[in-house]
Amino acid sequence: MGGSLADAVPQPPTVYAAVGGQRFFDDLVDRFYDAVETDPLLRPMYPGDLTPSRQRLAGFLAQYWGGPADYSAERGHPRLRMRHMPFTIGQAERDAWMRHMMSSLATAKLPDGSPLDPDIAQAMFAHFDNAATHLINQPS
C-alpha cells in the first residue's frame, strides 16, 4: 500500500488547469505588456526589451495560480515589494498598471475561445488589486 492521504484524495483542479495552462498566462501578460509599451507613465520603468519582463510575470502568475513552480526555481521567492522598491510607484502608477491588467483580463479567453469563468476573473481581479496596492511606495 503506502502513499499519503493527500495522494489518495482527489484534488480540485487549480486555476492554472481550469484556464488551460501556461498559454492563458502568456496571452494575458502579452496583452498587458502590449499596452505598457505605449504608456508614458509606466514604460520608463521597464527595460528596453520587455521579453524578460513578460516571461517573468507570466511565470509568476502561472505558478501563483497553481502551475509549475518554475518561477521560484529560477528566481527564488517572489519578494514582489522588494523587487519593485527601486521604482517610484504611487497611486497613478498603480492605477495605470491596473487599467492595463484589467483590460487584458477583460478580453481573456480560454483555449477553446470561451470566456473566462466569472469567479476566476473575480479572484484574479482581487489578487491584482491587492498586489498593485501593496506595491505603492510613494505617498499620494
N, C-alpha and C. Protein backbone atom coordinates (compact mmCIF):
# COMPACT_ATOMS: atom_id res chain seq x y z
N MET A 1 0.85 -1.18 0.00
CA MET A 1 0.00 0.00 0.00
C MET A 1 0.89 1.24 0.00
N GLY A 2 0.96 2.04 0.98
CA GLY A 2 1.83 3.20 1.03
C GLY A 2 1.16 4.43 0.45
N GLY A 3 1.92 5.49 0.42
CA GLY A 3 1.38 6.75 -0.07
C GLY A 3 0.75 7.53 1.06
N SER A 4 0.46 8.76 0.79
CA SER A 4 -0.15 9.60 1.82
C SER A 4 -1.63 9.78 1.53
N LEU A 5 -2.33 10.26 2.52
CA LEU A 5 -3.75 10.56 2.36
C LEU A 5 -3.95 11.61 1.28
N ALA A 6 -3.04 12.60 1.24
CA ALA A 6 -3.15 13.64 0.22
C ALA A 6 -3.06 13.05 -1.19
N ASP A 7 -2.25 12.00 -1.35
CA ASP A 7 -2.12 11.36 -2.66
C ASP A 7 -3.39 10.58 -3.01
N ALA A 8 -4.08 10.09 -2.00
CA ALA A 8 -5.25 9.24 -2.23
C ALA A 8 -6.53 10.05 -2.46
N VAL A 9 -6.57 11.29 -1.97
CA VAL A 9 -7.77 12.11 -2.08
C VAL A 9 -7.67 12.97 -3.34
N PRO A 10 -8.65 12.89 -4.22
CA PRO A 10 -8.61 13.71 -5.43
C PRO A 10 -8.60 15.20 -5.07
N GLN A 11 -7.78 15.96 -5.76
CA GLN A 11 -7.68 17.39 -5.51
C GLN A 11 -8.51 18.14 -6.56
N PRO A 12 -9.11 19.24 -6.17
CA PRO A 12 -9.85 20.03 -7.17
C PRO A 12 -8.87 20.61 -8.18
N PRO A 13 -9.34 20.90 -9.36
CA PRO A 13 -8.42 21.48 -10.35
C PRO A 13 -7.96 22.87 -9.91
N THR A 14 -6.76 23.20 -10.27
CA THR A 14 -6.23 24.53 -9.98
C THR A 14 -6.77 25.52 -11.00
N VAL A 15 -6.64 26.79 -10.70
CA VAL A 15 -6.99 27.82 -11.69
C VAL A 15 -6.13 27.62 -12.93
N TYR A 16 -4.87 27.30 -12.73
CA TYR A 16 -3.96 27.05 -13.86
C TYR A 16 -4.55 26.01 -14.80
N ALA A 17 -5.03 24.91 -14.25
CA ALA A 17 -5.65 23.86 -15.08
C ALA A 17 -6.97 24.33 -15.67
N ALA A 18 -7.76 25.05 -14.89
CA ALA A 18 -9.08 25.49 -15.35
C ALA A 18 -9.00 26.46 -16.53
N VAL A 19 -7.91 27.23 -16.62
CA VAL A 19 -7.78 28.19 -17.72
C VAL A 19 -6.99 27.61 -18.90
N GLY A 20 -6.56 26.38 -18.78
CA GLY A 20 -5.87 25.73 -19.89
C GLY A 20 -4.36 25.77 -19.84
N GLY A 21 -3.81 26.19 -18.71
CA GLY A 21 -2.36 26.14 -18.56
C GLY A 21 -1.62 27.42 -18.92
N GLN A 22 -0.35 27.26 -19.20
CA GLN A 22 0.57 28.38 -19.38
C GLN A 22 0.15 29.35 -20.47
N ARG A 23 -0.41 28.83 -21.54
CA ARG A 23 -0.77 29.70 -22.67
C ARG A 23 -1.69 30.84 -22.25
N PHE A 24 -2.63 30.56 -21.34
CA PHE A 24 -3.53 31.60 -20.86
C PHE A 24 -2.74 32.74 -20.23
N PHE A 25 -1.78 32.41 -19.40
CA PHE A 25 -1.00 33.43 -18.70
C PHE A 25 -0.05 34.17 -19.66
N ASP A 26 0.51 33.45 -20.62
CA ASP A 26 1.33 34.10 -21.64
C ASP A 26 0.51 35.13 -22.42
N ASP A 27 -0.69 34.75 -22.83
CA ASP A 27 -1.56 35.66 -23.58
C ASP A 27 -1.99 36.86 -22.73
N LEU A 28 -2.37 36.61 -21.48
CA LEU A 28 -2.77 37.68 -20.56
C LEU A 28 -1.64 38.71 -20.43
N VAL A 29 -0.45 38.21 -20.20
CA VAL A 29 0.71 39.08 -20.00
C VAL A 29 1.10 39.78 -21.30
N ASP A 30 0.99 39.10 -22.43
CA ASP A 30 1.31 39.75 -23.70
C ASP A 30 0.38 40.94 -23.96
N ARG A 31 -0.92 40.76 -23.71
CA ARG A 31 -1.85 41.88 -23.90
C ARG A 31 -1.51 43.03 -22.95
N PHE A 32 -1.19 42.68 -21.71
CA PHE A 32 -0.83 43.68 -20.72
C PHE A 32 0.40 44.48 -21.18
N TYR A 33 1.47 43.77 -21.54
CA TYR A 33 2.70 44.47 -21.94
C TYR A 33 2.56 45.19 -23.27
N ASP A 34 1.69 44.72 -24.15
CA ASP A 34 1.43 45.46 -25.37
C ASP A 34 0.90 46.86 -25.04
N ALA A 35 0.09 46.96 -24.00
CA ALA A 35 -0.43 48.26 -23.55
C ALA A 35 0.65 49.07 -22.83
N VAL A 36 1.45 48.41 -22.02
CA VAL A 36 2.53 49.10 -21.30
C VAL A 36 3.52 49.73 -22.28
N GLU A 37 3.74 49.07 -23.40
CA GLU A 37 4.70 49.57 -24.41
C GLU A 37 4.44 51.02 -24.78
N THR A 38 3.19 51.44 -24.79
CA THR A 38 2.85 52.80 -25.22
C THR A 38 2.37 53.68 -24.07
N ASP A 39 2.52 53.22 -22.84
CA ASP A 39 2.07 54.01 -21.69
C ASP A 39 3.19 54.94 -21.24
N PRO A 40 2.99 56.26 -21.33
CA PRO A 40 4.07 57.19 -20.99
C PRO A 40 4.45 57.18 -19.50
N LEU A 41 3.56 56.75 -18.65
CA LEU A 41 3.85 56.70 -17.22
C LEU A 41 4.60 55.42 -16.85
N LEU A 42 4.17 54.28 -17.38
CA LEU A 42 4.76 53.00 -16.99
C LEU A 42 5.98 52.59 -17.82
N ARG A 43 5.98 52.92 -19.10
CA ARG A 43 7.04 52.42 -19.97
C ARG A 43 8.44 52.73 -19.48
N PRO A 44 8.71 53.94 -18.94
CA PRO A 44 10.07 54.24 -18.47
C PRO A 44 10.55 53.35 -17.32
N MET A 45 9.65 52.67 -16.64
CA MET A 45 10.05 51.80 -15.54
C MET A 45 10.64 50.47 -16.01
N TYR A 46 10.44 50.16 -17.27
CA TYR A 46 10.82 48.85 -17.80
C TYR A 46 12.05 48.97 -18.69
N PRO A 47 12.78 47.85 -18.82
CA PRO A 47 13.93 47.86 -19.73
C PRO A 47 13.48 47.97 -21.18
N GLY A 48 14.42 48.29 -22.08
CA GLY A 48 14.09 48.42 -23.50
C GLY A 48 13.44 47.18 -24.07
N ASP A 49 13.97 46.03 -23.72
CA ASP A 49 13.42 44.75 -24.20
C ASP A 49 12.47 44.21 -23.14
N LEU A 50 11.20 44.14 -23.46
CA LEU A 50 10.20 43.66 -22.49
C LEU A 50 10.09 42.14 -22.44
N THR A 51 10.83 41.43 -23.28
CA THR A 51 10.71 39.97 -23.31
C THR A 51 10.97 39.34 -21.94
N PRO A 52 12.07 39.66 -21.25
CA PRO A 52 12.27 39.06 -19.93
C PRO A 52 11.17 39.42 -18.92
N SER A 53 10.69 40.65 -18.99
CA SER A 53 9.60 41.07 -18.08
C SER A 53 8.34 40.25 -18.35
N ARG A 54 8.03 40.05 -19.61
CA ARG A 54 6.87 39.24 -19.99
C ARG A 54 7.02 37.81 -19.45
N GLN A 55 8.18 37.23 -19.64
CA GLN A 55 8.40 35.85 -19.20
C GLN A 55 8.30 35.73 -17.68
N ARG A 56 8.88 36.68 -16.97
CA ARG A 56 8.84 36.61 -15.50
C ARG A 56 7.42 36.74 -14.97
N LEU A 57 6.66 37.74 -15.49
CA LEU A 57 5.29 37.92 -14.99
C LEU A 57 4.41 36.73 -15.34
N ALA A 58 4.51 36.23 -16.55
CA ALA A 58 3.71 35.06 -16.93
C ALA A 58 4.07 33.85 -16.08
N GLY A 59 5.36 33.66 -15.83
CA GLY A 59 5.79 32.54 -14.99
C GLY A 59 5.31 32.68 -13.55
N PHE A 60 5.41 33.90 -13.02
CA PHE A 60 4.94 34.14 -11.66
C PHE A 60 3.44 33.87 -11.54
N LEU A 61 2.67 34.43 -12.48
CA LEU A 61 1.21 34.25 -12.40
C LEU A 61 0.81 32.80 -12.57
N ALA A 62 1.45 32.10 -13.48
CA ALA A 62 1.15 30.68 -13.67
C ALA A 62 1.42 29.91 -12.38
N GLN A 63 2.55 30.18 -11.76
CA GLN A 63 2.88 29.49 -10.50
C GLN A 63 1.90 29.87 -9.40
N TYR A 64 1.60 31.14 -9.27
CA TYR A 64 0.69 31.61 -8.23
C TYR A 64 -0.67 30.92 -8.33
N TRP A 65 -1.14 30.71 -9.57
CA TRP A 65 -2.46 30.13 -9.78
C TRP A 65 -2.42 28.61 -9.95
N GLY A 66 -1.35 27.97 -9.49
CA GLY A 66 -1.34 26.51 -9.40
C GLY A 66 -0.52 25.79 -10.44
N GLY A 67 0.21 26.52 -11.25
CA GLY A 67 1.05 25.89 -12.27
C GLY A 67 2.39 25.47 -11.70
N PRO A 68 3.28 25.02 -12.56
CA PRO A 68 4.59 24.56 -12.10
C PRO A 68 5.36 25.67 -11.40
N ALA A 69 6.23 25.29 -10.49
CA ALA A 69 7.00 26.24 -9.68
C ALA A 69 8.27 26.69 -10.39
N ASP A 70 8.21 26.85 -11.70
CA ASP A 70 9.38 27.26 -12.48
C ASP A 70 9.88 28.64 -12.08
N TYR A 71 8.98 29.55 -11.79
CA TYR A 71 9.38 30.91 -11.40
C TYR A 71 10.27 30.86 -10.17
N SER A 72 9.82 30.17 -9.13
CA SER A 72 10.60 30.10 -7.89
C SER A 72 11.89 29.33 -8.08
N ALA A 73 11.86 28.30 -8.90
CA ALA A 73 13.08 27.53 -9.16
C ALA A 73 14.14 28.41 -9.81
N GLU A 74 13.70 29.32 -10.67
CA GLU A 74 14.63 30.19 -11.39
C GLU A 74 15.01 31.43 -10.59
N ARG A 75 14.03 32.04 -9.92
CA ARG A 75 14.25 33.36 -9.30
C ARG A 75 14.16 33.38 -7.78
N GLY A 76 13.80 32.27 -7.18
CA GLY A 76 13.64 32.26 -5.73
C GLY A 76 12.28 32.81 -5.33
N HIS A 77 12.15 33.15 -4.06
CA HIS A 77 10.90 33.71 -3.55
C HIS A 77 10.55 34.97 -4.35
N PRO A 78 9.27 35.17 -4.67
CA PRO A 78 8.89 36.33 -5.48
C PRO A 78 9.33 37.69 -4.91
N ARG A 79 9.23 37.90 -3.60
CA ARG A 79 9.65 39.16 -2.97
C ARG A 79 9.21 40.37 -3.79
N LEU A 80 7.92 40.42 -4.11
CA LEU A 80 7.41 41.45 -5.02
C LEU A 80 7.72 42.87 -4.54
N ARG A 81 7.47 43.14 -3.30
CA ARG A 81 7.69 44.50 -2.81
C ARG A 81 9.16 44.88 -2.91
N MET A 82 10.06 43.98 -2.53
CA MET A 82 11.48 44.27 -2.60
C MET A 82 11.93 44.49 -4.05
N ARG A 83 11.45 43.65 -4.96
CA ARG A 83 11.86 43.75 -6.36
C ARG A 83 11.34 45.05 -7.02
N HIS A 84 10.26 45.59 -6.50
CA HIS A 84 9.68 46.80 -7.08
C HIS A 84 10.09 48.08 -6.35
N MET A 85 10.80 47.95 -5.24
CA MET A 85 11.17 49.11 -4.44
C MET A 85 12.02 50.15 -5.20
N PRO A 86 12.87 49.75 -6.14
CA PRO A 86 13.65 50.78 -6.85
C PRO A 86 12.81 51.70 -7.74
N PHE A 87 11.57 51.36 -7.97
CA PHE A 87 10.72 52.14 -8.86
C PHE A 87 9.78 53.02 -8.06
N THR A 88 9.53 54.22 -8.55
CA THR A 88 8.58 55.12 -7.92
C THR A 88 7.18 54.65 -8.30
N ILE A 89 6.47 54.14 -7.31
CA ILE A 89 5.11 53.64 -7.54
C ILE A 89 4.16 54.38 -6.60
N GLY A 90 3.40 55.25 -7.20
CA GLY A 90 2.37 55.97 -6.46
C GLY A 90 1.00 55.52 -6.94
N GLN A 91 -0.01 56.23 -6.54
CA GLN A 91 -1.38 55.87 -6.93
C GLN A 91 -1.56 55.90 -8.44
N ALA A 92 -0.96 56.87 -9.12
CA ALA A 92 -1.13 56.98 -10.58
C ALA A 92 -0.51 55.78 -11.29
N GLU A 93 0.67 55.35 -10.85
CA GLU A 93 1.33 54.19 -11.46
C GLU A 93 0.54 52.92 -11.17
N ARG A 94 0.05 52.81 -9.95
CA ARG A 94 -0.77 51.65 -9.59
C ARG A 94 -2.03 51.59 -10.45
N ASP A 95 -2.68 52.73 -10.60
CA ASP A 95 -3.92 52.78 -11.38
C ASP A 95 -3.66 52.47 -12.86
N ALA A 96 -2.56 52.97 -13.40
CA ALA A 96 -2.23 52.67 -14.80
C ALA A 96 -1.96 51.17 -14.97
N TRP A 97 -1.22 50.60 -14.05
CA TRP A 97 -0.94 49.16 -14.11
C TRP A 97 -2.25 48.37 -14.06
N MET A 98 -3.12 48.74 -13.14
CA MET A 98 -4.40 48.05 -13.01
C MET A 98 -5.27 48.23 -14.25
N ARG A 99 -5.28 49.40 -14.81
CA ARG A 99 -6.08 49.65 -16.02
C ARG A 99 -5.66 48.69 -17.15
N HIS A 100 -4.36 48.54 -17.35
CA HIS A 100 -3.87 47.66 -18.41
C HIS A 100 -4.12 46.19 -18.08
N MET A 101 -3.92 45.83 -16.82
CA MET A 101 -4.14 44.42 -16.46
C MET A 101 -5.62 44.08 -16.52
N MET A 102 -6.49 44.97 -16.09
CA MET A 102 -7.92 44.70 -16.13
C MET A 102 -8.43 44.65 -17.58
N SER A 103 -7.87 45.45 -18.43
CA SER A 103 -8.23 45.39 -19.85
C SER A 103 -7.81 44.05 -20.44
N SER A 104 -6.63 43.61 -20.08
CA SER A 104 -6.15 42.31 -20.56
C SER A 104 -7.02 41.18 -20.02
N LEU A 105 -7.37 41.26 -18.75
CA LEU A 105 -8.21 40.23 -18.13
C LEU A 105 -9.61 40.23 -18.75
N ALA A 106 -10.14 41.40 -19.05
CA ALA A 106 -11.49 41.50 -19.61
C ALA A 106 -11.60 40.84 -20.97
N THR A 107 -10.51 40.78 -21.71
CA THR A 107 -10.54 40.17 -23.04
C THR A 107 -9.99 38.75 -23.05
N ALA A 108 -9.69 38.21 -21.88
CA ALA A 108 -9.12 36.86 -21.79
C ALA A 108 -10.12 35.81 -22.24
N LYS A 109 -9.62 34.85 -22.94
CA LYS A 109 -10.42 33.70 -23.40
C LYS A 109 -9.69 32.42 -23.04
N LEU A 110 -10.46 31.37 -22.88
CA LEU A 110 -9.89 30.05 -22.67
C LEU A 110 -9.42 29.50 -24.01
N PRO A 111 -8.62 28.44 -24.01
CA PRO A 111 -8.10 27.91 -25.28
C PRO A 111 -9.18 27.58 -26.30
N ASP A 112 -10.37 27.21 -25.85
CA ASP A 112 -11.45 26.88 -26.79
C ASP A 112 -12.23 28.12 -27.26
N GLY A 113 -11.79 29.31 -26.82
CA GLY A 113 -12.44 30.55 -27.21
C GLY A 113 -13.54 31.00 -26.28
N SER A 114 -13.87 30.19 -25.30
CA SER A 114 -14.94 30.57 -24.37
C SER A 114 -14.42 31.60 -23.36
N PRO A 115 -15.34 32.36 -22.77
CA PRO A 115 -14.92 33.39 -21.82
C PRO A 115 -14.41 32.78 -20.51
N LEU A 116 -13.65 33.56 -19.82
CA LEU A 116 -13.13 33.18 -18.51
C LEU A 116 -14.28 33.07 -17.51
N ASP A 117 -14.26 32.05 -16.69
CA ASP A 117 -15.26 31.88 -15.65
C ASP A 117 -15.30 33.15 -14.77
N PRO A 118 -16.48 33.71 -14.51
CA PRO A 118 -16.56 34.94 -13.72
C PRO A 118 -15.94 34.83 -12.33
N ASP A 119 -16.05 33.66 -11.69
CA ASP A 119 -15.44 33.50 -10.36
C ASP A 119 -13.92 33.56 -10.44
N ILE A 120 -13.35 32.99 -11.49
CA ILE A 120 -11.90 33.05 -11.67
C ILE A 120 -11.49 34.48 -12.00
N ALA A 121 -12.23 35.14 -12.86
CA ALA A 121 -11.93 36.54 -13.19
C ALA A 121 -11.97 37.41 -11.94
N GLN A 122 -12.96 37.19 -11.09
CA GLN A 122 -13.07 37.98 -9.86
C GLN A 122 -11.91 37.69 -8.92
N ALA A 123 -11.51 36.44 -8.80
CA ALA A 123 -10.37 36.09 -7.95
C ALA A 123 -9.09 36.73 -8.47
N MET A 124 -8.93 36.73 -9.78
CA MET A 124 -7.74 37.36 -10.37
C MET A 124 -7.77 38.86 -10.16
N PHE A 125 -8.93 39.48 -10.36
CA PHE A 125 -9.05 40.91 -10.11
C PHE A 125 -8.65 41.23 -8.67
N ALA A 126 -9.17 40.47 -7.72
CA ALA A 126 -8.87 40.72 -6.31
C ALA A 126 -7.37 40.59 -6.04
N HIS A 127 -6.75 39.59 -6.64
CA HIS A 127 -5.31 39.41 -6.46
C HIS A 127 -4.54 40.60 -7.04
N PHE A 128 -4.87 40.99 -8.28
CA PHE A 128 -4.17 42.10 -8.91
C PHE A 128 -4.38 43.40 -8.15
N ASP A 129 -5.59 43.63 -7.71
CA ASP A 129 -5.91 44.84 -6.96
C ASP A 129 -5.09 44.91 -5.67
N ASN A 130 -5.04 43.80 -4.95
CA ASN A 130 -4.29 43.75 -3.70
C ASN A 130 -2.80 43.92 -3.96
N ALA A 131 -2.26 43.19 -4.93
CA ALA A 131 -0.83 43.26 -5.21
C ALA A 131 -0.42 44.66 -5.68
N ALA A 132 -1.21 45.25 -6.58
CA ALA A 132 -0.86 46.57 -7.09
C ALA A 132 -0.88 47.61 -5.98
N THR A 133 -1.83 47.52 -5.10
CA THR A 133 -1.91 48.46 -3.98
C THR A 133 -0.75 48.24 -3.01
N HIS A 134 -0.39 46.99 -2.80
CA HIS A 134 0.72 46.65 -1.89
C HIS A 134 2.05 47.23 -2.38
N LEU A 135 2.20 47.40 -3.67
CA LEU A 135 3.48 47.86 -4.23
C LEU A 135 3.63 49.38 -4.22
N ILE A 136 2.60 50.10 -3.84
CA ILE A 136 2.72 51.55 -3.74
C ILE A 136 3.80 51.87 -2.70
N ASN A 137 4.77 52.69 -3.11
CA ASN A 137 5.85 53.05 -2.18
C ASN A 137 6.06 54.56 -2.09
N GLN A 138 5.15 55.32 -2.68
CA GLN A 138 5.21 56.78 -2.63
C GLN A 138 3.88 57.32 -2.14
N PRO A 139 3.92 58.31 -1.26
CA PRO A 139 2.64 58.89 -0.80
C PRO A 139 1.92 59.60 -1.93
N SER A 140 0.63 59.72 -1.79
CA SER A 140 -0.19 60.41 -2.81
C SER A 140 0.12 61.88 -2.85
